[in-house]
Amino acid sequence: LTVTACISCNDDKDKTADTDNSAAIKPP
């Protein structure tokens, strides 16, 4: 259960990182 939770946690972090990158301010 702990291993599964950590994998899920890492997946969530990756998704958050992707979201942050997509929200970056674009150059004019």
PDB file of all heavy atoms in Angstrom:
ATOM      1  N   LEU A   1       0.829  -1.207   0.000  1.00  0.00           N
ATOM      2  CA  LEU A   1       0.000   0.000   0.000  1.00  0.00           C
ATOM      3  C   LEU A   1       0.862   1.255   0.000  1.00  0.00           C
ATOM      4  O   LEU A   1       0.556   2.245  -0.666  1.00  0.00           O
ATOM      5  CB  LEU A   1      -0.929   0.000   1.220  1.00  0.00           C
ATOM      6  CG  LEU A   1      -2.053  -1.036   1.196  1.00  0.00           C
ATOM      7  CD1 LEU A   1      -2.810  -1.039   2.529  1.00  0.00           C
ATOM      8  CD2 LEU A   1      -3.019  -0.745   0.040  1.00  0.00           C
ATOM      9  N   THR A   2       1.979   1.210   0.771  1.00  0.00           N
ATOM     10  CA  THR A   2       2.859   2.376   0.853  1.00  0.00           C
ATOM     11  C   THR A   2       3.513   2.657  -0.484  1.00  0.00           C
ATOM     12  O   THR A   2       3.605   3.800  -0.934  1.00  0.00           O
ATOM     13  CB  THR A   2       3.941   2.144   1.926  1.00  0.00           C
ATOM     14  OG1 THR A   2       3.312   1.885   3.170  1.00  0.00           O
ATOM     15  CG2 THR A   2       4.856   3.360   2.047  1.00  0.00           C
ATOM     16  N   VAL A   3       4.004   1.588  -1.160  1.00  0.00           N
ATOM     17  CA  VAL A   3       4.636   1.736  -2.472  1.00  0.00           C
ATOM     18  C   VAL A   3       3.645   2.308  -3.477  1.00  0.00           C
ATOM     19  O   VAL A   3       3.944   3.221  -4.242  1.00  0.00           O
ATOM     20  CB  VAL A   3       5.199   0.396  -2.960  1.00  0.00           C
ATOM     21  CG1 VAL A   3       5.647   0.505  -4.424  1.00  0.00           C
ATOM     22  CG2 VAL A   3       6.361  -0.041  -2.083  1.00  0.00           C
ATOM     23  N   THR A   4       2.415   1.776  -3.454  1.00  0.00           N
ATOM     24  CA  THR A   4       1.373   2.259  -4.368  1.00  0.00           C
ATOM     25  C   THR A   4       1.074   3.724  -4.121  1.00  0.00           C
ATOM     26  O   THR A   4       0.935   4.531  -5.046  1.00  0.00           O
ATOM     27  CB  THR A   4       0.087   1.443  -4.182  1.00  0.00           C
ATOM     28  OG1 THR A   4       0.383   0.068  -4.423  1.00  0.00           O
ATOM     29  CG2 THR A   4      -1.000   1.917  -5.155  1.00  0.00           C
ATOM     30  N   ALA A   5       0.995   4.123  -2.850  1.00  0.00           N
ATOM     31  CA  ALA A   5       0.711   5.518  -2.493  1.00  0.00           C
ATOM     32  C   ALA A   5       1.819   6.438  -2.980  1.00  0.00           C
ATOM     33  O   ALA A   5       1.575   7.532  -3.479  1.00  0.00           O
ATOM     34  CB  ALA A   5       0.539   5.650  -0.977  1.00  0.00           C
ATOM     35  N   CYS A   6       3.086   5.984  -2.864  1.00  0.00           N
ATOM     36  CA  CYS A   6       4.210   6.816  -3.305  1.00  0.00           C
ATOM     37  C   CYS A   6       4.204   6.996  -4.807  1.00  0.00           C
ATOM     38  O   CYS A   6       4.485   8.070  -5.329  1.00  0.00           O
ATOM     39  CB  CYS A   6       5.531   6.176  -2.872  1.00  0.00           C
ATOM     40  SG  CYS A   6       5.829   6.300  -1.103  1.00  0.00           S
ATOM     41  N   ILE A   7       3.882   5.897  -5.540  1.00  0.00           N
ATOM     42  CA  ILE A   7       3.798   6.000  -7.000  1.00  0.00           C
ATOM     43  C   ILE A   7       2.719   6.989  -7.391  1.00  0.00           C
ATOM     44  O   ILE A   7       2.892   7.847  -8.250  1.00  0.00           O
ATOM     45  CB  ILE A   7       3.527   4.608  -7.616  1.00  0.00           C
ATOM     46  CG1 ILE A   7       4.743   3.706  -7.420  1.00  0.00           C
ATOM     47  CG2 ILE A   7       3.201   4.747  -9.099  1.00  0.00           C
ATOM     48  CD1 ILE A   7       4.507   2.270  -7.843  1.00  0.00           C
ATOM     49  N   SER A   8       1.555   6.851  -6.696  1.00  0.00           N
ATOM     50  CA  SER A   8       0.446   7.776  -6.963  1.00  0.00           C
ATOM     51  C   SER A   8       0.844   9.205  -6.648  1.00  0.00           C
ATOM     52  O   SER A   8       0.521  10.142  -7.368  1.00  0.00           O
ATOM     53  CB  SER A   8      -0.772   7.370  -6.128  1.00  0.00           C
ATOM     54  OG  SER A   8      -1.811   8.290  -6.294  1.00  0.00           O
ATOM     55  N   CYS A   9       1.622   9.386  -5.542  1.00  0.00           N
ATOM     56  CA  CYS A   9       2.075  10.707  -5.137  1.00  0.00           C
ATOM     57  C   CYS A   9       2.981  11.307  -6.199  1.00  0.00           C
ATOM     58  O   CYS A   9       2.859  12.467  -6.560  1.00  0.00           O
ATOM     59  CB  CYS A   9       2.798  10.604  -3.810  1.00  0.00           C
ATOM     60  SG  CYS A   9       3.451  12.177  -3.198  1.00  0.00           S
ATOM     61  N   ASN A  10       3.907  10.470  -6.734  1.00  0.00           N
ATOM     62  CA  ASN A  10       4.812  10.945  -7.772  1.00  0.00           C
ATOM     63  C   ASN A  10       4.052  11.312  -9.036  1.00  0.00           C
ATOM     64  O   ASN A  10       4.362  12.282  -9.716  1.00  0.00           O
ATOM     65  CB  ASN A  10       5.869   9.883  -8.095  1.00  0.00           C
ATOM     66  CG  ASN A  10       6.896   9.747  -6.977  1.00  0.00           C
ATOM     67  OD1 ASN A  10       7.120  10.706  -6.251  1.00  0.00           O
ATOM     68  ND2 ASN A  10       7.504   8.567  -6.840  1.00  0.00           N
ATOM     69  N   ASP A  11       3.017  10.499  -9.351  1.00  0.00           N
ATOM     70  CA  ASP A  11       2.182  10.810 -10.515  1.00  0.00           C
ATOM     71  C   ASP A  11       1.540  12.173 -10.356  1.00  0.00           C
ATOM     72  O   ASP A  11       1.483  12.973 -11.284  1.00  0.00           O
ATOM     73  CB  ASP A  11       1.094   9.739 -10.700  1.00  0.00           C
ATOM     74  CG  ASP A  11       1.687   8.434 -11.247  1.00  0.00           C
ATOM     75  OD1 ASP A  11       2.841   8.487 -11.737  1.00  0.00           O
ATOM     76  OD2 ASP A  11       1.009   7.403 -11.177  1.00  0.00           O
ATOM     77  N   ASP A  12       1.036  12.443  -9.137  1.00  0.00           N
ATOM     78  CA  ASP A  12       0.387  13.734  -8.873  1.00  0.00           C
ATOM     79  C   ASP A  12       1.375  14.869  -9.024  1.00  0.00           C
ATOM     80  O   ASP A  12       1.048  15.936  -9.556  1.00  0.00           O
ATOM     81  CB  ASP A  12      -0.219  13.740  -7.464  1.00  0.00           C
ATOM     82  CG  ASP A  12      -1.468  12.864  -7.390  1.00  0.00           C
ATOM     83  OD1 ASP A  12      -2.031  12.544  -8.455  1.00  0.00           O
ATOM     84  OD2 ASP A  12      -1.843  12.516  -6.260  1.00  0.00           O
ATOM     85  N   LYS A  13       2.619  14.656  -8.552  1.00  0.00           N
ATOM     86  CA  LYS A  13       3.632  15.702  -8.677  1.00  0.00           C
ATOM     87  C   LYS A  13       3.925  15.996 -10.130  1.00  0.00           C
ATOM     88  O   LYS A  13       4.067  17.133 -10.542  1.00  0.00           O
ATOM     89  CB  LYS A  13       4.917  15.275  -7.954  1.00  0.00           C
ATOM     90  CG  LYS A  13       4.829  15.308  -6.441  1.00  0.00           C
ATOM     91  CD  LYS A  13       6.136  14.886  -5.808  1.00  0.00           C
ATOM     92  CE  LYS A  13       6.040  14.923  -4.287  1.00  0.00           C
ATOM     93  NZ  LYS A  13       7.298  14.477  -3.666  1.00  0.00           N
ATOM     94  N   ASP A  14       4.011  14.923 -10.944  1.00  0.00           N
ATOM     95  CA  ASP A  14       4.277  15.116 -12.368  1.00  0.00           C
ATOM     96  C   ASP A  14       3.159  15.897 -13.029  1.00  0.00           C
ATOM     97  O   ASP A  14       3.394  16.788 -13.841  1.00  0.00           O
ATOM     98  CB  ASP A  14       4.442  13.758 -13.064  1.00  0.00           C
ATOM     99  CG  ASP A  14       5.736  13.065 -12.638  1.00  0.00           C
ATOM    100  OD1 ASP A  14       6.621  13.781 -12.130  1.00  0.00           O
ATOM    101  OD2 ASP A  14       5.837  11.833 -12.803  1.00  0.00           O
ATOM    102  N   LYS A  15       1.911  15.570 -12.646  1.00  0.00           N
ATOM    103  CA  LYS A  15       0.771  16.277 -13.214  1.00  0.00           C
ATOM    104  C   LYS A  15       0.791  17.748 -12.824  1.00  0.00           C
ATOM    105  O   LYS A  15       0.501  18.623 -13.625  1.00  0.00           O
ATOM    106  CB  LYS A  15      -0.533  15.627 -12.743  1.00  0.00           C
ATOM    107  CG  LYS A  15      -0.778  14.250 -13.344  1.00  0.00           C
ATOM    108  CD  LYS A  15      -2.034  13.623 -12.773  1.00  0.00           C
ATOM    109  CE  LYS A  15      -2.251  12.213 -13.316  1.00  0.00           C
ATOM    110  NZ  LYS A  15      -3.420  11.564 -12.717  1.00  0.00           N
ATOM    111  N   THR A  16       1.155  18.020 -11.554  1.00  0.00           N
ATOM    112  CA  THR A  16       1.232  19.404 -11.093  1.00  0.00           C
ATOM    113  C   THR A  16       2.295  20.172 -11.848  1.00  0.00           C
ATOM    114  O   THR A  16       2.101  21.311 -12.258  1.00  0.00           O
ATOM    115  CB  THR A  16       1.541  19.435  -9.583  1.00  0.00           C
ATOM    116  OG1 THR A  16       0.530  18.712  -8.888  1.00  0.00           O
ATOM    117  CG2 THR A  16       1.605  20.872  -9.077  1.00  0.00           C
ATOM    118  N   ALA A  17       3.433  19.503 -12.060  1.00  0.00           N
ATOM    119  CA  ALA A  17       4.519  20.156 -12.786  1.00  0.00           C
ATOM    120  C   ALA A  17       4.089  20.493 -14.200  1.00  0.00           C
ATOM    121  O   ALA A  17       4.358  21.576 -14.715  1.00  0.00           O
ATOM    122  CB  ALA A  17       5.751  19.258 -12.799  1.00  0.00           C
ATOM    123  N   ASP A  18       3.373  19.533 -14.843  1.00  0.00           N
ATOM    124  CA  ASP A  18       2.894  19.777 -16.199  1.00  0.00           C
ATOM    125  C   ASP A  18       1.938  20.960 -16.221  1.00  0.00           C
ATOM    126  O   ASP A  18       1.969  21.797 -17.124  1.00  0.00           O
ATOM    127  CB  ASP A  18       2.193  18.528 -16.745  1.00  0.00           C
ATOM    128  CG  ASP A  18       3.195  17.396 -17.035  1.00  0.00           C
ATOM    129  OD1 ASP A  18       4.410  17.692 -17.127  1.00  0.00           O
ATOM    130  OD2 ASP A  18       2.744  16.249 -17.154  1.00  0.00           O
ATOM    131  N   THR A  19       1.079  21.021 -15.200  1.00  0.00           N
ATOM    132  CA  THR A  19       0.106  22.115 -15.126  1.00  0.00           C
ATOM    133  C   THR A  19       0.815  23.454 -14.964  1.00  0.00           C
ATOM    134  O   THR A  19       0.472  24.435 -15.619  1.00  0.00           O
ATOM    135  CB  THR A  19      -0.856  21.895 -13.942  1.00  0.00           C
ATOM    136  OG1 THR A  19      -1.511  20.649 -14.113  1.00  0.00           O
ATOM    137  CG2 THR A  19      -1.885  23.012 -13.873  1.00  0.00           C
ATOM    138  N   ASP A  20       1.849  23.489 -14.113  1.00  0.00           N
ATOM    139  CA  ASP A  20       2.587  24.724 -13.897  1.00  0.00           C
ATOM    140  C   ASP A  20       3.259  25.193 -15.174  1.00  0.00           C
ATOM    141  O   ASP A  20       3.277  26.373 -15.495  1.00  0.00           O
ATOM    142  CB  ASP A  20       3.626  24.533 -12.795  1.00  0.00           C
ATOM    143  CG  ASP A  20       2.983  24.394 -11.420  1.00  0.00           C
ATOM    144  OD1 ASP A  20       1.795  24.755 -11.286  1.00  0.00           O
ATOM    145  OD2 ASP A  20       3.667  23.927 -10.502  1.00  0.00           O
ATOM    146  N   ASN A  21       3.834  24.258 -15.921  1.00  0.00           N
ATOM    147  CA  ASN A  21       4.506  24.624 -17.165  1.00  0.00           C
ATOM    148  C   ASN A  21       3.523  25.190 -18.177  1.00  0.00           C
ATOM    149  O   ASN A  21       3.826  26.137 -18.887  1.00  0.00           O
ATOM    150  CB  ASN A  21       5.229  23.410 -17.763  1.00  0.00           C
ATOM    151  CG  ASN A  21       6.463  23.024 -16.958  1.00  0.00           C
ATOM    152  OD1 ASN A  21       7.021  23.865 -16.265  1.00  0.00           O
ATOM    153  ND2 ASN A  21       6.879  21.766 -17.046  1.00  0.00           N
ATOM    154  N   SER A  22       2.341  24.599 -18.236  1.00  0.00           N
ATOM    155  CA  SER A  22       1.357  25.057 -19.208  1.00  0.00           C
ATOM    156  C   SER A  22       0.815  26.431 -18.843  1.00  0.00           C
ATOM    157  O   SER A  22       0.301  27.147 -19.687  1.00  0.00           O
ATOM    158  CB  SER A  22       0.198  24.050 -19.322  1.00  0.00           C
ATOM    159  OG  SER A  22      -0.524  24.002 -18.107  1.00  0.00           O
ATOM    160  N   ALA A  23       0.929  26.796 -17.540  1.00  0.00           N
ATOM    161  CA  ALA A  23       0.409  28.083 -17.088  1.00  0.00           C
ATOM    162  C   ALA A  23       1.465  29.179 -17.121  1.00  0.00           C
ATOM    163  O   ALA A  23       1.209  30.295 -16.705  1.00  0.00           O
ATOM    164  CB  ALA A  23      -0.148  27.945 -15.667  1.00  0.00           C
ATOM    165  N   ALA A  24       2.675  28.869 -17.596  1.00  0.00           N
ATOM    166  CA  ALA A  24       3.740  29.869 -17.639  1.00  0.00           C
ATOM    167  C   ALA A  24       3.341  31.018 -18.559  1.00  0.00           C
ATOM    168  O   ALA A  24       2.646  30.836 -19.557  1.00  0.00           O
ATOM    169  CB  ALA A  24       5.031  29.221 -18.135  1.00  0.00           C
ATOM    170  N   ILE A  25       3.785  32.228 -18.212  1.00  0.00           N
ATOM    171  CA  ILE A  25       3.457  33.410 -19.005  1.00  0.00           C
ATOM    172  C   ILE A  25       4.212  33.359 -20.330  1.00  0.00           C
ATOM    173  O   ILE A  25       5.426  33.173 -20.359  1.00  0.00           O
ATOM    174  CB  ILE A  25       3.819  34.692 -18.230  1.00  0.00           C
ATOM    175  CG1 ILE A  25       2.966  34.782 -16.961  1.00  0.00           C
ATOM    176  CG2 ILE A  25       3.605  35.930 -19.097  1.00  0.00           C
ATOM    177  CD1 ILE A  25       3.358  35.926 -16.050  1.00  0.00           C
ATOM    178  N   LYS A  26       3.507  33.526 -21.403  1.00  0.00           N
ATOM    179  CA  LYS A  26       4.115  33.493 -22.731  1.00  0.00           C
ATOM    180  C   LYS A  26       4.763  34.836 -23.056  1.00  0.00           C
ATOM    181  O   LYS A  26       4.292  35.882 -22.606  1.00  0.00           O
ATOM    182  CB  LYS A  26       3.049  33.163 -23.780  1.00  0.00           C
ATOM    183  CG  LYS A  26       2.428  31.787 -23.619  1.00  0.00           C
ATOM    184  CD  LYS A  26       1.363  31.543 -24.682  1.00  0.00           C
ATOM    185  CE  LYS A  26       0.733  30.166 -24.522  1.00  0.00           C
ATOM    186  NZ  LYS A  26      -0.319  29.924 -25.532  1.00  0.00           N
ATOM    187  N   PRO A  27       5.825  34.825 -23.841  1.00  0.00           N
ATOM    188  CA  PRO A  27       6.429  36.094 -24.272  1.00  0.00           C
ATOM    189  C   PRO A  27       5.422  36.900 -25.090  1.00  0.00           C
ATOM    190  O   PRO A  27       4.521  36.331 -25.720  1.00  0.00           O
ATOM    191  CB  PRO A  27       7.608  35.645 -25.148  1.00  0.00           C
ATOM    192  CG  PRO A  27       7.875  34.232 -24.755  1.00  0.00           C
ATOM    193  CD  PRO A  27       6.556  33.649 -24.351  1.00  0.00           C
ATOM    194  N   PRO A  28       5.547  38.225 -25.108  1.00  0.00           N
ATOM    195  CA  PRO A  28       4.637  39.043 -25.929  1.00  0.00           C
ATOM    196  C   PRO A  28       4.705  38.638 -27.400  1.00  0.00           C
ATOM    197  O   PRO A  28       5.783  38.319 -27.920  1.00  0.00           O
ATOM    198  CB  PRO A  28       5.161  40.465 -25.727  1.00  0.00           C
ATOM    199  CG  PRO A  28       5.914  40.424 -24.431  1.00  0.00           C
ATOM    200  CD  PRO A  28       6.512  39.057 -24.360  1.00  0.00           C
TER     201      PRO A  28
END
